Amino acid sequence: MAQRCDICGKEPMYGHAVSHSKHATNRRFMPNINKRKIVYDGKKQKMNVCANCLRTLNKTS
């Protein structure tokens, strides 16, 4: 499953995991993606949706 939100386009971000000794190693910050069947643009579709968009859709419907 692609780690990309079909509504807002949120994707993984890159940064550093910093230990107590301040040694930085590369890491990915992954979005919270869920595969859901939702009504979007008047059609029921199976989409990859981030938790933030899912929350917004629940508030508006």
Protein backbone atom coordinates (compact mmCIF):
# COMPACT_ATOMS: atom_id res chain seq x y z
CA MET A 1 0.00 0.00 0.00
CA ALA A 2 1.37 3.40 -0.96
CA GLN A 3 1.99 5.61 2.06
CA ARG A 4 0.16 8.57 0.54
CA CYS A 5 -3.22 10.09 1.38
CA ASP A 6 -5.55 10.17 -1.64
CA ILE A 7 -7.31 13.32 -0.38
CA CYS A 8 -4.61 15.68 0.92
CA GLY A 9 -1.50 14.03 -0.59
CA LYS A 10 0.30 13.64 2.73
CA GLU A 11 3.48 11.55 2.25
CA PRO A 12 6.37 10.31 4.39
CA MET A 13 8.76 12.98 5.63
CA TYR A 14 12.46 12.49 6.24
CA GLY A 15 14.36 13.59 9.32
CA HIS A 16 16.70 12.37 12.02
CA ALA A 17 16.34 10.09 15.02
CA VAL A 18 18.46 11.84 17.64
CA SER A 19 19.78 9.76 20.54
CA HIS A 20 20.71 10.99 24.01
CA SER A 21 24.33 11.43 22.86
CA LYS A 22 23.03 13.65 20.01
CA HIS A 23 24.05 11.12 17.32
CA ALA A 24 21.59 11.64 14.44
CA THR A 25 20.58 8.78 12.15
CA ASN A 26 18.22 9.07 9.19
CA ARG A 27 14.60 7.99 9.58
CA ARG A 28 11.18 8.35 7.94
CA PHE A 29 8.15 9.89 9.61
CA MET A 30 5.20 7.93 8.20
CA PRO A 31 1.64 9.31 7.95
CA ASN A 32 -1.17 7.40 9.67
CA ILE A 33 -2.79 5.90 6.54
CA ASN A 34 -5.97 3.76 6.62
CA LYS A 35 -7.68 2.01 3.69
CA ARG A 36 -11.40 2.87 3.97
CA LYS A 37 -14.54 2.82 1.86
CA ILE A 38 -15.85 6.37 1.95
CA VAL A 39 -18.33 8.49 0.01
CA TYR A 40 -16.22 11.09 -1.80
CA ASP A 41 -17.54 13.31 -4.62
CA GLY A 42 -20.88 11.49 -4.42
CA LYS A 43 -19.37 8.03 -5.06
CA LYS A 44 -18.46 5.22 -2.68
CA GLN A 45 -14.74 4.62 -3.19
CA LYS A 46 -12.01 2.58 -1.54
CA MET A 47 -9.29 5.09 -0.68
CA ASN A 48 -6.10 5.43 1.33
CA VAL A 49 -6.93 8.21 3.80
CA CYS A 50 -4.82 9.75 6.56
CA ALA A 51 -6.28 9.93 10.07
CA ASN A 52 -6.58 13.72 9.88
CA CYS A 53 -8.71 13.60 6.69
CA LEU A 54 -10.79 10.74 8.11
CA ARG A 55 -11.51 12.84 11.19
CA THR A 56 -12.48 15.83 9.02
CA LEU A 57 -14.80 13.67 6.88
CA ASN A 58 -16.50 12.30 10.00
CA LYS A 59 -17.07 15.83 11.28
CA THR A 60 -18.66 17.04 8.03
CA SER A 61 -20.93 14.05 7.41
